[in-house]
Every structure is written in structure tokens, then in C-alpha cells.
């Protein structure tokens, strides 16, 4: 080669070539890590499957919860009916004791 100074244009072209080589390597790295359409389709089907599973589990949980609530309501109603029934019996017994006390002229015991 000659002793002439390199032209500025030639220097710029060489720098551009080096930078383009670096960019090609970067693009290659990006392509190797990118998901393909098939990968996305698989992911989409997995998401749909998971969503269906979650929806099914939620329906089962809702049904079980509804059944538990219905059972609890039934138990509370039975208890309430029983307590009211016992209250009626106690009230009837108190009335009978008062009548016996009055009939025998006994002093009333006020335990309240």
C-alpha cells in the first residue's frame, strides 16, 4: 500500500462494518432467546387449560360452600326451634308451680 493517509470515508465505512457485525451478533442472540409462534401457541393452550381448571375448582368450591351454609342454616334452625320449645316448656312449668303455690297458699319463691 502507499503512504497516503486513509480517507475519512474509508475509516467511517470500516467503523460501520464493525458496528454492523456487532449488531448482527446481538440480533442473533435476540433470535435465539425469542419465543417462536409454536412456543406462544403452546403457552396459550396451557393458559386456557389452567383457566378452565381454575374455573372448575371455583365452581366446586362454591358448591361445597353453599352446601356448608345450607347445613349450618339447618342446624341453627333446629337449635332455635329446640330452644324455643324448651322455653315454652319452662314457661308452662313456672305457670303450674305458681298455681300450685297459690292453691296451697305457699309464699312465692322469687329466685330472680
PDB file of N, CA and C in Angstrom:
ATOM      1  N   UNK A   1       0.819  -1.168   0.000  1.00  0.00           N
ATOM      2  CA  UNK A   1       0.000   0.000   0.000  1.00  0.00           C
ATOM      3  C   UNK A   1       0.867   1.237   0.000  1.00  0.00           C
ATOM      4  N   UNK A   2       0.229   2.292  -0.232  1.00  0.00           N
ATOM      5  CA  UNK A   2       1.002   3.531  -0.325  1.00  0.00           C
ATOM      6  C   UNK A   2       1.019   4.246   1.013  1.00  0.00           C
ATOM      7  N   UNK A   3       1.832   5.289   1.071  1.00  0.00           N
ATOM      8  CA  UNK A   3       1.961   6.057   2.304  1.00  0.00           C
ATOM      9  C   UNK A   3       0.907   7.144   2.404  1.00  0.00           C
ATOM     10  N   UNK A   4      -0.054   7.064   1.592  1.00  0.00           N
ATOM     11  CA  UNK A   4      -1.093   8.103   1.626  1.00  0.00           C
ATOM     12  C   UNK A   4      -1.979   7.904   2.855  1.00  0.00           C
ATOM     13  N   UNK A   5      -2.440   8.992   3.425  1.00  0.00           N
ATOM     14  CA  UNK A   5      -3.349   8.843   4.573  1.00  0.00           C
ATOM     15  C   UNK A   5      -4.673   8.229   4.113  1.00  0.00           C
ATOM     16  N   UNK A   6      -5.223   7.396   4.992  1.00  0.00           N
ATOM     17  CA  UNK A   6      -6.507   6.785   4.639  1.00  0.00           C
ATOM     18  C   UNK A   6      -7.563   7.868   4.579  1.00  0.00           C
ATOM     19  N   UNK A   7      -8.486   7.642   3.720  1.00  0.00           N
ATOM     20  CA  UNK A   7      -9.528   8.655   3.607  1.00  0.00           C
ATOM     21  C   UNK A   7     -10.497   8.517   4.784  1.00  0.00           C
ATOM     22  N   UNK A   8     -11.087   9.608   5.102  1.00  0.00           N
ATOM     23  CA  UNK A   8     -12.055   9.643   6.208  1.00  0.00           C
ATOM     24  C   UNK A   8     -13.231   8.750   5.869  1.00  0.00           C
ATOM     25  N   UNK A   9     -13.601   8.725   4.611  1.00  0.00           N
ATOM     26  CA  UNK A   9     -14.734   7.918   4.180  1.00  0.00           C
ATOM     27  C   UNK A   9     -14.442   6.440   4.395  1.00  0.00           C
ATOM     28  N   UNK A  10     -13.255   6.017   4.076  1.00  0.00           N
ATOM     29  CA  UNK A  10     -12.867   4.619   4.255  1.00  0.00           C
ATOM     30  C   UNK A  10     -12.868   4.255   5.742  1.00  0.00           C
ATOM     31  N   UNK A  11     -12.412   5.136   6.584  1.00  0.00           N
ATOM     32  CA  UNK A  11     -12.435   4.893   8.032  1.00  0.00           C
ATOM     33  C   UNK A  11     -13.868   4.730   8.526  1.00  0.00           C
ATOM     34  N   UNK A  12     -14.743   5.628   8.092  1.00  0.00           N
ATOM     35  CA  UNK A  12     -16.149   5.558   8.510  1.00  0.00           C
ATOM     36  C   UNK A  12     -16.800   4.256   8.047  1.00  0.00           C
ATOM     37  N   UNK A  13     -16.493   3.831   6.818  1.00  0.00           N
ATOM     38  CA  UNK A  13     -17.070   2.587   6.305  1.00  0.00           C
ATOM     39  C   UNK A  13     -16.587   1.383   7.128  1.00  0.00           C
ATOM     40  N   UNK A  14     -15.324   1.394   7.509  1.00  0.00           N
ATOM     41  CA  UNK A  14     -14.805   0.287   8.316  1.00  0.00           C
ATOM     42  C   UNK A  14     -15.464   0.266   9.703  1.00  0.00           C
ATOM     43  N   UNK A  15     -15.648   1.438  10.291  1.00  0.00           N
ATOM     44  CA  UNK A  15     -16.328   1.514  11.595  1.00  0.00           C
ATOM     45  C   UNK A  15     -17.769   1.014  11.483  1.00  0.00           C
ATOM     46  N   UNK A  16     -18.423   1.405  10.390  1.00  0.00           N
ATOM     47  CA  UNK A  16     -19.811   0.959  10.183  1.00  0.00           C
ATOM     48  C   UNK A  16     -19.861  -0.558  10.029  1.00  0.00           C
ATOM     49  N   UNK A  17     -18.886  -1.130   9.299  1.00  0.00           N
ATOM     50  CA  UNK A  17     -18.843  -2.581   9.113  1.00  0.00           C
ATOM     51  C   UNK A  17     -18.677  -3.277  10.461  1.00  0.00           C
ATOM     52  N   UNK A  18     -17.816  -2.755  11.330  1.00  0.00           N
ATOM     53  CA  UNK A  18     -17.597  -3.358  12.654  1.00  0.00           C
ATOM     54  C   UNK A  18     -18.861  -3.263  13.512  1.00  0.00           C
ATOM     55  N   UNK A  19     -19.497  -2.108  13.463  1.00  0.00           N
ATOM     56  CA  UNK A  19     -20.728  -1.934  14.247  1.00  0.00           C
ATOM     57  C   UNK A  19     -21.832  -2.842  13.729  1.00  0.00           C
ATOM     58  N   UNK A  20     -21.915  -3.009  12.402  1.00  0.00           N
ATOM     59  CA  UNK A  20     -22.930  -3.903  11.830  1.00  0.00           C
ATOM     60  C   UNK A  20     -22.663  -5.351  12.235  1.00  0.00           C
ATOM     61  N   UNK A  21     -21.420  -5.734  12.334  1.00  0.00           N
ATOM     62  CA  UNK A  21     -21.086  -7.074  12.795  1.00  0.00           C
ATOM     63  C   UNK A  21     -21.544  -7.290  14.232  1.00  0.00           C
ATOM     64  N   UNK A  22     -21.322  -6.264  15.054  1.00  0.00           N
ATOM     65  CA  UNK A  22     -21.776  -6.347  16.450  1.00  0.00           C
ATOM     66  C   UNK A  22     -23.300  -6.447  16.511  1.00  0.00           C
ATOM     67  N   UNK A  23     -23.974  -5.661  15.665  1.00  0.00           N
ATOM     68  CA  UNK A  23     -25.443  -5.693  15.647  1.00  0.00           C
ATOM     69  C   UNK A  23     -25.951  -7.051  15.187  1.00  0.00           C
ATOM     70  N   UNK A  24     -25.270  -7.649  14.207  1.00  0.00           N
ATOM     71  CA  UNK A  24     -25.683  -8.980  13.748  1.00  0.00           C
ATOM     72  C   UNK A  24     -25.561 -10.000  14.881  1.00  0.00           C
ATOM     73  N   UNK A  25     -24.496  -9.904  15.641  1.00  0.00           N
ATOM     74  CA  UNK A  25     -24.324 -10.815  16.777  1.00  0.00           C
ATOM     75  C   UNK A  25     -25.432 -10.594  17.811  1.00  0.00           C
ATOM     76  N   UNK A  26     -25.757  -9.317  18.076  1.00  0.00           N
ATOM     77  CA  UNK A  26     -26.833  -9.008  19.028  1.00  0.00           C
ATOM     78  C   UNK A  26     -28.165  -9.548  18.532  1.00  0.00           C
ATOM     79  N   UNK A  27     -28.435  -9.368  17.236  1.00  0.00           N
ATOM     80  CA  UNK A  27     -29.689  -9.871  16.657  1.00  0.00           C
ATOM     81  C   UNK A  27     -29.731 -11.390  16.737  1.00  0.00           C
ATOM     82  N   UNK A  28     -28.621 -12.035  16.528  1.00  0.00           N
ATOM     83  CA  UNK A  28     -28.559 -13.492  16.664  1.00  0.00           C
ATOM     84  C   UNK A  28     -28.874 -13.934  18.084  1.00  0.00           C
ATOM     85  N   UNK A  29     -28.331 -13.201  19.067  1.00  0.00           N
ATOM     86  CA  UNK A  29     -28.633 -13.512  20.467  1.00  0.00           C
ATOM     87  C   UNK A  29     -30.122 -13.333  20.762  1.00  0.00           C
ATOM     88  N   UNK A  30     -30.683 -12.246  20.238  1.00  0.00           N
ATOM     89  CA  UNK A  30     -32.106 -11.973  20.462  1.00  0.00           C
ATOM     90  C   UNK A  30     -32.959 -13.073  19.838  1.00  0.00           C
ATOM     91  N   UNK A  31     -32.629 -13.473  18.634  1.00  0.00           N
ATOM     92  CA  UNK A  31     -33.394 -14.529  17.952  1.00  0.00           C
ATOM     93  C   UNK A  31     -33.308 -15.849  18.700  1.00  0.00           C
ATOM     94  N   UNK A  32     -32.159 -16.126  19.284  1.00  0.00           N
ATOM     95  CA  UNK A  32     -32.015 -17.404  19.995  1.00  0.00           C
ATOM     96  C   UNK A  32     -32.847 -17.441  21.276  1.00  0.00           C
ATOM     97  N   UNK A  33     -33.105 -16.269  21.863  1.00  0.00           N
ATOM     98  CA  UNK A  33     -33.884 -16.238  23.107  1.00  0.00           C
ATOM     99  C   UNK A  33     -35.356 -15.922  22.880  1.00  0.00           C
ATOM    100  N   UNK A  34     -35.726 -15.500  21.680  1.00  0.00           N
ATOM    101  CA  UNK A  34     -37.118 -15.163  21.399  1.00  0.00           C
ATOM    102  C   UNK A  34     -37.981 -16.415  21.347  1.00  0.00           C
ATOM    103  N   UNK A  35     -39.233 -16.261  21.734  1.00  0.00           N
ATOM    104  CA  UNK A  35     -40.182 -17.357  21.627  1.00  0.00           C
ATOM    105  C   UNK A  35     -40.700 -17.436  20.195  1.00  0.00           C
ATOM    106  N   UNK A  36     -40.948 -18.640  19.765  1.00  0.00           N
ATOM    107  CA  UNK A  36     -41.489 -18.823  18.419  1.00  0.00           C
ATOM    108  C   UNK A  36     -43.006 -18.826  18.484  1.00  0.00           C
ATOM    109  N   UNK A  37     -43.637 -18.820  17.320  1.00  0.00           N
ATOM    110  CA  UNK A  37     -45.097 -18.876  17.284  1.00  0.00           C
ATOM    111  C   UNK A  37     -45.602 -20.162  17.915  1.00  0.00           C
ATOM    112  N   UNK A  38     -44.891 -21.254  17.699  1.00  0.00           N
ATOM    113  CA  UNK A  38     -45.287 -22.524  18.301  1.00  0.00           C
ATOM    114  C   UNK A  38     -45.197 -22.460  19.828  1.00  0.00           C
ATOM    115  N   UNK A  39     -44.127 -21.802  20.318  1.00  0.00           N
ATOM    116  CA  UNK A  39     -43.992 -21.642  21.767  1.00  0.00           C
ATOM    117  C   UNK A  39     -45.166 -20.845  22.330  1.00  0.00           C
ATOM    118  N   UNK A  40     -45.542 -19.786  21.629  1.00  0.00           N
ATOM    119  CA  UNK A  40     -46.657 -18.955  22.080  1.00  0.00           C
ATOM    120  C   UNK A  40     -47.978 -19.715  22.007  1.00  0.00           C
ATOM    121  N   UNK A  41     -48.146 -20.537  20.981  1.00  0.00           N
ATOM    122  CA  UNK A  41     -49.368 -21.338  20.866  1.00  0.00           C
ATOM    123  C   UNK A  41     -49.447 -22.339  22.019  1.00  0.00           C
ATOM    124  N   UNK A  42     -48.317 -22.968  22.347  1.00  0.00           N
ATOM    125  CA  UNK A  42     -48.294 -23.895  23.475  1.00  0.00           C
ATOM    126  C   UNK A  42     -48.634 -23.174  24.773  1.00  0.00           C
ATOM    127  N   UNK A  43     -48.042 -22.003  24.948  1.00  0.00           N
ATOM    128  CA  UNK A  43     -48.305 -21.222  26.148  1.00  0.00           C
ATOM    129  C   UNK A  43     -49.778 -20.827  26.229  1.00  0.00           C
ATOM    130  N   UNK A  44     -50.329 -20.422  25.106  1.00  0.00           N
ATOM    131  CA  UNK A  44     -51.735 -20.026  25.057  1.00  0.00           C
ATOM    132  C   UNK A  44     -52.630 -21.204  25.449  1.00  0.00           C
ATOM    133  N   UNK A  45     -52.327 -22.400  24.924  1.00  0.00           N
ATOM    134  CA  UNK A  45     -53.154 -23.559  25.261  1.00  0.00           C
ATOM    135  C   UNK A  45     -53.010 -23.916  26.737  1.00  0.00           C
ATOM    136  N   UNK A  46     -51.799 -23.772  27.284  1.00  0.00           N
ATOM    137  CA  UNK A  46     -51.610 -24.033  28.710  1.00  0.00           C
ATOM    138  C   UNK A  46     -52.398 -23.039  29.558  1.00  0.00           C
ATOM    139  N   UNK A  47     -52.403 -21.776  29.149  1.00  0.00           N
ATOM    140  CA  UNK A  47     -53.151 -20.755  29.894  1.00  0.00           C
ATOM    141  C   UNK A  47     -54.641 -21.065  29.852  1.00  0.00           C
ATOM    142  N   UNK A  48     -55.144 -21.450  28.680  1.00  0.00           N
ATOM    143  CA  UNK A  48     -56.565 -21.798  28.578  1.00  0.00           C
ATOM    144  C   UNK A  48     -56.891 -23.005  29.454  1.00  0.00           C
ATOM    145  N   UNK A  49     -56.007 -23.987  29.460  1.00  0.00           N
ATOM    146  CA  UNK A  49     -56.216 -25.176  30.285  1.00  0.00           C
ATOM    147  C   UNK A  49     -56.226 -24.808  31.767  1.00  0.00           C
ATOM    148  N   UNK A  50     -55.278 -23.977  32.178  1.00  0.00           N
ATOM    149  CA  UNK A  50     -55.236 -23.539  33.571  1.00  0.00           C
ATOM    150  C   UNK A  50     -56.479 -22.744  33.943  1.00  0.00           C
ATOM    151  N   UNK A  51     -56.917 -21.885  33.036  1.00  0.00           N
ATOM    152  CA  UNK A  51     -58.108 -21.089  33.304  1.00  0.00           C
ATOM    153  C   UNK A  51     -59.324 -21.985  33.478  1.00  0.00           C
ATOM    154  N   UNK A  52     -59.441 -23.023  32.634  1.00  0.00           N
ATOM    155  CA  UNK A  52     -60.549 -23.963  32.758  1.00  0.00           C
ATOM    156  C   UNK A  52     -60.480 -24.718  34.079  1.00  0.00           C
ATOM    157  N   UNK A  53     -59.257 -25.126  34.458  1.00  0.00           N
ATOM    158  CA  UNK A  53     -59.088 -25.834  35.729  1.00  0.00           C
ATOM    159  C   UNK A  53     -59.482 -24.951  36.910  1.00  0.00           C
ATOM    160  N   UNK A  54     -59.065 -23.698  36.879  1.00  0.00           N
ATOM    161  CA  UNK A  54     -59.387 -22.774  37.974  1.00  0.00           C
ATOM    162  C   UNK A  54     -60.892 -22.534  38.032  1.00  0.00           C
ATOM    163  N   UNK A  55     -61.515 -22.360  36.870  1.00  0.00           N
ATOM    164  CA  UNK A  55     -62.964 -22.147  36.844  1.00  0.00           C
ATOM    165  C   UNK A  55     -63.690 -23.360  37.420  1.00  0.00           C
ATOM    166  N   UNK A  56     -63.242 -24.549  37.055  1.00  0.00           N
ATOM    167  CA  UNK A  56     -63.859 -25.774  37.577  1.00  0.00           C
ATOM    168  C   UNK A  56     -63.678 -25.864  39.090  1.00  0.00           C
ATOM    169  N   UNK A  57     -62.473 -25.577  39.565  1.00  0.00           N
ATOM    170  CA  UNK A  57     -62.215 -25.610  41.007  1.00  0.00           C
ATOM    171  C   UNK A  57     -63.063 -24.587  41.756  1.00  0.00           C
ATOM    172  N   UNK A  58     -63.246 -23.427  41.167  1.00  0.00           N
ATOM    173  CA  UNK A  58     -64.066 -22.399  41.809  1.00  0.00           C
ATOM    174  C   UNK A  58     -65.519 -22.829  41.892  1.00  0.00           C
ATOM    175  N   UNK A  59     -66.020 -23.489  40.844  1.00  0.00           N
ATOM    176  CA  UNK A  59     -67.402 -23.976  40.887  1.00  0.00           C
ATOM    177  C   UNK A  59     -67.574 -25.030  41.974  1.00  0.00           C
ATOM    178  N   UNK A  60     -66.599 -25.924  42.088  1.00  0.00           N
ATOM    179  CA  UNK A  60     -66.666 -26.962  43.131  1.00  0.00           C
ATOM    180  C   UNK A  60     -66.626 -26.308  44.511  1.00  0.00           C
ATOM    181  N   UNK A  61     -65.736 -25.342  44.693  1.00  0.00           N
ATOM    182  CA  UNK A  61     -65.623 -24.654  45.982  1.00  0.00           C
ATOM    183  C   UNK A  61     -66.916 -23.912  46.308  1.00  0.00           C
ATOM    184  N   UNK A  62     -67.524 -23.278  45.314  1.00  0.00           N
ATOM    185  CA  UNK A  62     -68.782 -22.557  45.530  1.00  0.00           C
ATOM    186  C   UNK A  62     -69.882 -23.522  45.939  1.00  0.00           C
ATOM    187  N   UNK A  63     -69.941 -24.679  45.269  1.00  0.00           N
ATOM    188  CA  UNK A  63     -70.957 -25.691  45.590  1.00  0.00           C
ATOM    189  C   UNK A  63     -70.762 -26.203  47.010  1.00  0.00           C
ATOM    190  N   UNK A  64     -69.509 -26.534  47.379  1.00  0.00           N
ATOM    191  CA  UNK A  64     -69.234 -27.018  48.723  1.00  0.00           C
ATOM    192  C   UNK A  64     -69.580 -25.967  49.776  1.00  0.00           C
ATOM    193  N   UNK A  65     -69.247 -24.712  49.496  1.00  0.00           N
ATOM    194  CA  UNK A  65     -69.548 -23.633  50.437  1.00  0.00           C
ATOM    195  C   UNK A  65     -71.054 -23.460  50.586  1.00  0.00           C
ATOM    196  N   UNK A  66     -71.769 -23.513  49.473  1.00  0.00           N
ATOM    197  CA  UNK A  66     -73.234 -23.399  49.529  1.00  0.00           C
ATOM    198  C   UNK A  66     -73.839 -24.532  50.345  1.00  0.00           C
ATOM    199  N   UNK A  67     -73.321 -25.749  50.153  1.00  0.00           N
ATOM    200  CA  UNK A  67     -73.814 -26.889  50.925  1.00  0.00           C
ATOM    201  C   UNK A  67     -73.535 -26.711  52.407  1.00  0.00           C
ATOM    202  N   UNK A  68     -72.343 -26.212  52.736  1.00  0.00           N
ATOM    203  CA  UNK A  68     -71.994 -25.995  54.141  1.00  0.00           C
ATOM    204  C   UNK A  68     -72.881 -24.925  54.762  1.00  0.00           C
ATOM    205  N   UNK A  69     -73.154 -23.869  54.015  1.00  0.00           N
ATOM    206  CA  UNK A  69     -74.015 -22.799  54.527  1.00  0.00           C
ATOM    207  C   UNK A  69     -75.427 -23.328  54.748  1.00  0.00           C
ATOM    208  N   UNK A  70     -75.921 -24.129  53.809  1.00  0.00           N
ATOM    209  CA  UNK A  70     -77.265 -24.699  53.962  1.00  0.00           C
ATOM    210  C   UNK A  70     -77.317 -25.602  55.192  1.00  0.00           C
ATOM    211  N   UNK A  71     -76.286 -26.406  55.405  1.00  0.00           N
ATOM    212  CA  UNK A  71     -76.244 -27.263  56.591  1.00  0.00           C
ATOM    213  C   UNK A  71     -76.198 -26.458  57.872  1.00  0.00           C
ATOM    214  N   UNK A  72     -75.434 -25.387  57.863  1.00  0.00           N
ATOM    215  CA  UNK A  72     -75.343 -24.525  59.037  1.00  0.00           C
ATOM    216  C   UNK A  72     -76.682 -23.861  59.333  1.00  0.00           C
ATOM    217  N   UNK A  73     -77.350 -23.383  58.289  1.00  0.00           N
ATOM    218  CA  UNK A  73     -78.686 -22.781  58.485  1.00  0.00           C
ATOM    219  C   UNK A  73     -79.650 -23.793  59.087  1.00  0.00           C
ATOM    220  N   UNK A  74     -79.607 -25.012  58.565  1.00  0.00           N
ATOM    221  CA  UNK A  74     -80.488 -26.064  59.066  1.00  0.00           C
ATOM    222  C   UNK A  74     -80.200 -26.337  60.541  1.00  0.00           C
ATOM    223  N   UNK A  75     -78.909 -26.418  60.906  1.00  0.00           N
ATOM    224  CA  UNK A  75     -78.541 -26.678  62.303  1.00  0.00           C
ATOM    225  C   UNK A  75     -78.991 -25.537  63.217  1.00  0.00           C
ATOM    226  N   UNK A  76     -78.837 -24.306  62.764  1.00  0.00           N
ATOM    227  CA  UNK A  76     -79.257 -23.149  63.564  1.00  0.00           C
ATOM    228  C   UNK A  76     -80.765 -23.159  63.745  1.00  0.00           C
ATOM    229  N   UNK A  77     -81.499 -23.467  62.679  1.00  0.00           N
ATOM    230  CA  UNK A  77     -82.966 -23.509  62.782  1.00  0.00           C
ATOM    231  C   UNK A  77     -83.415 -24.608  63.752  1.00  0.00           C
ATOM    232  N   UNK A  78     -82.767 -25.772  63.675  1.00  0.00           N
ATOM    233  CA  UNK A  78     -83.116 -26.854  64.593  1.00  0.00           C
ATOM    234  C   UNK A  78     -82.819 -26.469  66.032  1.00  0.00           C
ATOM    235  N   UNK A  79     -81.661 -25.843  66.244  1.00  0.00           N
ATOM    236  CA  UNK A  79     -81.301 -25.402  67.584  1.00  0.00           C
ATOM    237  C   UNK A  79     -82.286 -24.358  68.085  1.00  0.00           C
ATOM    238  N   UNK A  80     -82.604 -23.402  67.238  1.00  0.00           N
ATOM    239  CA  UNK A  80     -83.532 -22.337  67.620  1.00  0.00           C
ATOM    240  C   UNK A  80     -84.896 -22.926  67.965  1.00  0.00           C
ATOM    241  N   UNK A  81     -85.367 -23.860  67.163  1.00  0.00           N
ATOM    242  CA  UNK A  81     -86.657 -24.499  67.426  1.00  0.00           C
ATOM    243  C   UNK A  81     -86.619 -25.246  68.750  1.00  0.00           C
ATOM    244  N   UNK A  82     -85.500 -25.932  69.002  1.00  0.00           N
ATOM    245  CA  UNK A  82     -85.347 -26.675  70.253  1.00  0.00           C
ATOM    246  C   UNK A  82     -85.346 -25.738  71.450  1.00  0.00           C
ATOM    247  N   UNK A  83     -84.605 -24.634  71.343  1.00  0.00           N
ATOM    248  CA  UNK A  83     -84.520 -23.684  72.454  1.00  0.00           C
ATOM    249  C   UNK A  83     -85.872 -23.053  72.714  1.00  0.00           C
ATOM    250  N   UNK A  84     -86.575 -22.685  71.667  1.00  0.00           N
ATOM    251  CA  UNK A  84     -87.909 -22.098  71.847  1.00  0.00           C
ATOM    252  C   UNK A  84     -88.841 -23.126  72.475  1.00  0.00           C
ATOM    253  N   UNK A  85     -88.710 -24.382  72.017  1.00  0.00           N
ATOM    254  CA  UNK A  85     -89.539 -25.440  72.603  1.00  0.00           C
ATOM    255  C   UNK A  85     -89.253 -25.614  74.086  1.00  0.00           C
ATOM    256  N   UNK A  86     -87.969 -25.592  74.480  1.00  0.00           N
ATOM    257  CA  UNK A  86     -87.625 -25.709  75.901  1.00  0.00           C
ATOM    258  C   UNK A  86     -88.128 -24.505  76.682  1.00  0.00           C
ATOM    259  N   UNK A  87     -88.054 -23.333  76.065  1.00  0.00           N
ATOM    260  CA  UNK A  87     -88.552 -22.126  76.725  1.00  0.00           C
ATOM    261  C   UNK A  87     -90.046 -22.215  76.987  1.00  0.00           C
ATOM    262  N   UNK A  88     -90.783 -22.784  76.037  1.00  0.00           N
ATOM    263  CA  UNK A  88     -92.228 -22.944  76.219  1.00  0.00           C
ATOM    264  C   UNK A  88     -92.512 -23.905  77.360  1.00  0.00           C
ATOM    265  N   UNK A  89     -91.768 -24.998  77.413  1.00  0.00           N
ATOM    266  CA  UNK A  89     -91.965 -25.989  78.474  1.00  0.00           C
ATOM    267  C   UNK A  89     -91.660 -25.380  79.832  1.00  0.00           C
ATOM    268  N   UNK A  90     -90.569 -24.625  79.929  1.00  0.00           N
ATOM    269  CA  UNK A  90     -90.202 -23.996  81.204  1.00  0.00           C
ATOM    270  C   UNK A  90     -91.266 -22.992  81.619  1.00  0.00           C
ATOM    271  N   UNK A  91     -91.774 -22.220  80.653  1.00  0.00           N
ATOM    272  CA  UNK A  91     -92.824 -21.238  80.975  1.00  0.00           C
ATOM    273  C   UNK A  91     -94.072 -21.952  81.493  1.00  0.00           C
ATOM    274  N   UNK A  92     -94.425 -23.065  80.860  1.00  0.00           N
ATOM    275  CA  UNK A  92     -95.594 -23.829  81.310  1.00  0.00           C
ATOM    276  C   UNK A  92     -95.371 -24.367  82.726  1.00  0.00           C
ATOM    277  N   UNK A  93     -94.167 -24.887  83.006  1.00  0.00           N
ATOM    278  CA  UNK A  93     -93.858 -25.393  84.345  1.00  0.00           C
ATOM    279  C   UNK A  93     -93.918 -24.283  85.388  1.00  0.00           C
ATOM    280  N   UNK A  94     -93.379 -23.111  85.069  1.00  0.00           N
ATOM    281  CA  UNK A  94     -93.442 -21.981  86.011  1.00  0.00           C
ATOM    282  C   UNK A  94     -94.881 -21.603  86.316  1.00  0.00           C
ATOM    283  N   UNK A  95     -95.732 -21.603  85.292  1.00  0.00           N
ATOM    284  CA  UNK A  95     -97.146 -21.273  85.500  1.00  0.00           C
ATOM    285  C   UNK A  95     -97.809 -22.310  86.412  1.00  0.00           C
ATOM    286  N   UNK A  96     -97.482 -23.583  86.204  1.00  0.00           N
ATOM    287  CA  UNK A  96     -98.068 -24.642  87.034  1.00  0.00           C
ATOM    288  C   UNK A  96     -97.591 -24.516  88.480  1.00  0.00           C
ATOM    289  N   UNK A  97     -96.290 -24.217  88.677  1.00  0.00           N
ATOM    290  CA  UNK A  97     -95.766 -24.049  90.032  1.00  0.00           C
ATOM    291  C   UNK A  97     -96.465 -22.889  90.718  1.00  0.00           C
ATOM    292  N   UNK A  98     -96.681 -21.784  90.004  1.00  0.00           N
ATOM    293  CA  UNK A  98     -97.398 -20.635  90.592  1.00  0.00           C
ATOM    294  C   UNK A  98     -98.811 -21.025  91.012  1.00  0.00           C
ATOM    295  N   UNK A  99     -99.489 -21.793  90.162  1.00  0.00           N
ATOM    296  CA  UNK A  99    -100.853 -22.212  90.506  1.00  0.00           C
ATOM    297  C   UNK A  99    -100.854 -23.131  91.734  1.00  0.00           C
ATOM    298  N   UNK A 100     -99.852 -24.055  91.813  1.00  0.00           N
ATOM    299  CA  UNK A 100     -99.751 -24.937  92.979  1.00  0.00           C
ATOM    300  C   UNK A 100     -99.477 -24.116  94.230  1.00  0.00           C
ATOM    301  N   UNK A 101     -98.563 -23.125  94.130  1.00  0.00           N
ATOM    302  CA  UNK A 101     -98.252 -22.267  95.274  1.00  0.00           C
ATOM    303  C   UNK A 101     -99.497 -21.509  95.729  1.00  0.00           C
ATOM    304  N   UNK A 102    -100.261 -20.997  94.791  1.00  0.00           N
ATOM    305  CA  UNK A 102    -101.481 -20.258  95.133  1.00  0.00           C
ATOM    306  C   UNK A 102    -102.513 -21.197  95.765  1.00  0.00           C
ATOM    307  N   UNK A 103    -102.624 -22.392  95.205  1.00  0.00           N
ATOM    308  CA  UNK A 103    -103.617 -23.341  95.719  1.00  0.00           C
ATOM    309  C   UNK A 103    -103.264 -23.779  97.140  1.00  0.00           C
ATOM    310  N   UNK A 104    -101.978 -23.918  97.435  1.00  0.00           N
ATOM    311  CA  UNK A 104    -101.549 -24.369  98.762  1.00  0.00           C
ATOM    312  C   UNK A 104    -101.237 -23.192  99.682  1.00  0.00           C
ATOM    313  N   UNK A 105    -101.475 -21.988  99.217  1.00  0.00           N
ATOM    314  CA  UNK A 105    -101.196 -20.770  99.992  1.00  0.00           C
ATOM    315  C   UNK A 105     -99.726 -20.755 100.456  1.00  0.00           C
ATOM    316  N   UNK A 106     -98.827 -21.094  99.565  1.00  0.00           N
ATOM    317  CA  UNK A 106     -97.396 -21.048  99.864  1.00  0.00           C
ATOM    318  C   UNK A 106     -96.836 -19.703  99.416  1.00  0.00           C
ATOM    319  N   UNK A 107     -95.840 -19.204 100.133  1.00  0.00           N
ATOM    320  CA  UNK A 107     -95.218 -17.956  99.661  1.00  0.00           C
ATOM    321  C   UNK A 107     -94.410 -18.234  98.381  1.00  0.00           C
ATOM    322  N   UNK A 108     -94.470 -17.313  97.467  1.00  0.00           N
ATOM    323  CA  UNK A 108     -93.772 -17.470  96.185  1.00  0.00           C
ATOM    324  C   UNK A 108     -92.267 -17.305  96.423  1.00  0.00           C
ATOM    325  N   UNK A 109     -91.497 -18.163  95.816  1.00  0.00           N
ATOM    326  CA  UNK A 109     -90.033 -18.042  95.873  1.00  0.00           C
ATOM    327  C   UNK A 109     -89.574 -17.247  94.660  1.00  0.00           C
ATOM    328  N   UNK A 110     -89.101 -16.063  94.907  1.00  0.00           N
ATOM    329  CA  UNK A 110     -88.591 -15.247  93.798  1.00  0.00           C
ATOM    330  C   UNK A 110     -87.093 -15.416  93.745  1.00  0.00           C
ATOM    331  N   UNK A 111     -86.634 -16.256  92.829  1.00  0.00           N
ATOM    332  CA  UNK A 111     -85.210 -16.545  92.708  1.00  0.00           C
ATOM    333  C   UNK A 111     -84.534 -15.670  91.669  1.00  0.00           C
ATOM    334  N   UNK A 112     -85.256 -14.778  91.175  1.00  0.00           N
ATOM    335  CA  UNK A 112     -84.678 -13.929  90.119  1.00  0.00           C
ATOM    336  C   UNK A 112     -83.924 -12.786  90.649  1.00  0.00           C
TER     337      UNK A 112
END
